[in-house]
């Protein structure tokens, strides 16, 4: 892997982590954080259904599939993070009571 490829990979990972952190933070402030994450996932999926990349060849379809799969993994990670944060808050509240 070249240095440029390593920088691109690091940049993509950084953006993905930033994306996860921002959405988890936004959702954690909602009345029902898990439902908010699922709402965002549903909105993405409805938008992704119409996603067209390139000329519609096999490569374009494969890219669409990879994009959808990767974002779905991110929403799963965001939901897991929100659930973990909820568990931590519940444990803190239990200790106070």
Protein backbone atom coordinates (compact mmCIF):
# COMPACT_ATOMS: atom_id res chain seq x y z
CA UNK A 1 0.00 0.00 0.00
CA UNK A 2 1.40 3.37 -0.99
CA UNK A 3 1.65 6.32 1.37
CA UNK A 4 -1.14 8.07 -0.52
CA UNK A 5 -3.39 5.03 -0.12
CA UNK A 6 -2.60 4.94 3.60
CA UNK A 7 -3.56 8.61 3.93
CA UNK A 8 -6.82 8.00 2.05
CA UNK A 9 -7.62 5.01 4.24
CA UNK A 10 -6.87 6.98 7.42
CA UNK A 11 -9.01 9.85 6.15
CA UNK A 12 -11.95 7.55 5.43
CA UNK A 13 -11.70 5.92 8.85
CA UNK A 14 -11.53 9.33 10.53
CA UNK A 15 -14.61 10.53 8.65
CA UNK A 16 -16.48 7.35 9.52
CA UNK A 17 -15.68 7.71 13.22
CA UNK A 18 -16.65 11.38 13.14
CA UNK A 19 -19.93 10.47 11.43
CA UNK A 20 -20.66 7.82 14.06
CA UNK A 21 -19.84 10.12 16.96
CA UNK A 22 -21.92 13.01 15.65
CA UNK A 23 -25.00 10.92 14.96
CA UNK A 24 -24.71 9.07 18.27
CA UNK A 25 -24.45 12.42 20.06
CA UNK A 26 -27.44 13.84 18.24
CA UNK A 27 -29.54 10.75 18.90
CA UNK A 28 -28.58 10.46 22.56
CA UNK A 29 -30.30 13.81 23.21
CA UNK A 30 -33.64 12.56 21.83
CA UNK A 31 -36.50 11.20 23.92
CA UNK A 32 -36.11 7.79 22.23
CA UNK A 33 -32.51 7.55 20.98
CA UNK A 34 -32.80 4.07 19.48
CA UNK A 35 -35.91 5.03 17.52
CA UNK A 36 -34.07 8.12 16.25
CA UNK A 37 -31.19 5.99 14.95
CA UNK A 38 -33.66 3.64 13.26
CA UNK A 39 -35.45 6.64 11.72
CA UNK A 40 -32.15 7.89 10.29
CA UNK A 41 -31.35 4.40 8.98
CA UNK A 42 -34.76 4.20 7.29
CA UNK A 43 -34.29 7.63 5.72
CA UNK A 44 -30.90 6.62 4.38
CA UNK A 45 -32.25 3.35 2.99
CA UNK A 46 -35.12 5.10 1.20
CA UNK A 47 -32.64 7.57 -0.29
CA UNK A 48 -30.14 4.84 -1.20
CA UNK A 49 -32.81 2.93 -3.11
CA UNK A 50 -32.66 5.68 -5.73
CA UNK A 51 -28.88 6.02 -5.69
CA UNK A 52 -27.37 5.76 -9.16
CA UNK A 53 -23.63 5.69 -9.61
CA UNK A 54 -22.08 5.97 -13.04
CA UNK A 55 -23.65 4.38 -16.10
CA UNK A 56 -25.47 1.56 -14.32
CA UNK A 57 -22.88 -1.10 -15.14
CA UNK A 58 -21.81 -3.93 -12.83
CA UNK A 59 -19.17 -1.75 -11.16
CA UNK A 60 -21.73 0.95 -10.36
CA UNK A 61 -24.13 -1.59 -8.88
CA UNK A 62 -21.36 -3.14 -6.80
CA UNK A 63 -20.38 0.31 -5.51
CA UNK A 64 -23.98 1.02 -4.51
CA UNK A 65 -24.16 -2.29 -2.65
CA UNK A 66 -20.88 -1.58 -0.84
CA UNK A 67 -22.00 1.93 0.13
CA UNK A 68 -25.33 0.70 1.49
CA UNK A 69 -23.63 -2.12 3.41
CA UNK A 70 -21.02 0.19 4.91
CA UNK A 71 -23.56 2.79 6.04
CA UNK A 72 -25.72 0.01 7.49
CA UNK A 73 -22.70 -1.16 9.53
CA UNK A 74 -22.26 2.41 10.74
CA UNK A 75 -25.88 2.68 11.86
CA UNK A 76 -25.52 -0.61 13.73
CA UNK A 77 -22.44 0.76 15.48
CA UNK A 78 -24.26 4.02 16.26
CA UNK A 79 -27.24 2.14 17.71
CA UNK A 80 -24.89 0.01 19.82
CA UNK A 81 -23.13 3.13 21.10
CA UNK A 82 -26.45 4.79 21.97
CA UNK A 83 -27.56 1.65 23.82
CA UNK A 84 -24.27 1.53 25.73
CA UNK A 85 -24.64 5.19 26.70
CA UNK A 86 -28.20 4.51 27.88
CA UNK A 87 -26.98 1.59 30.01
CA UNK A 88 -24.26 3.77 31.56
CA UNK A 89 -26.77 6.51 32.36
CA UNK A 90 -29.20 3.98 33.86
CA UNK A 91 -26.42 2.54 36.01
CA UNK A 92 -25.46 6.03 37.20
CA UNK A 93 -29.09 6.80 38.02
CA UNK A 94 -29.36 3.52 39.95
CA UNK A 95 -26.34 4.39 42.06
CA UNK A 96 -27.81 7.80 42.93
CA UNK A 97 -31.11 6.31 44.07
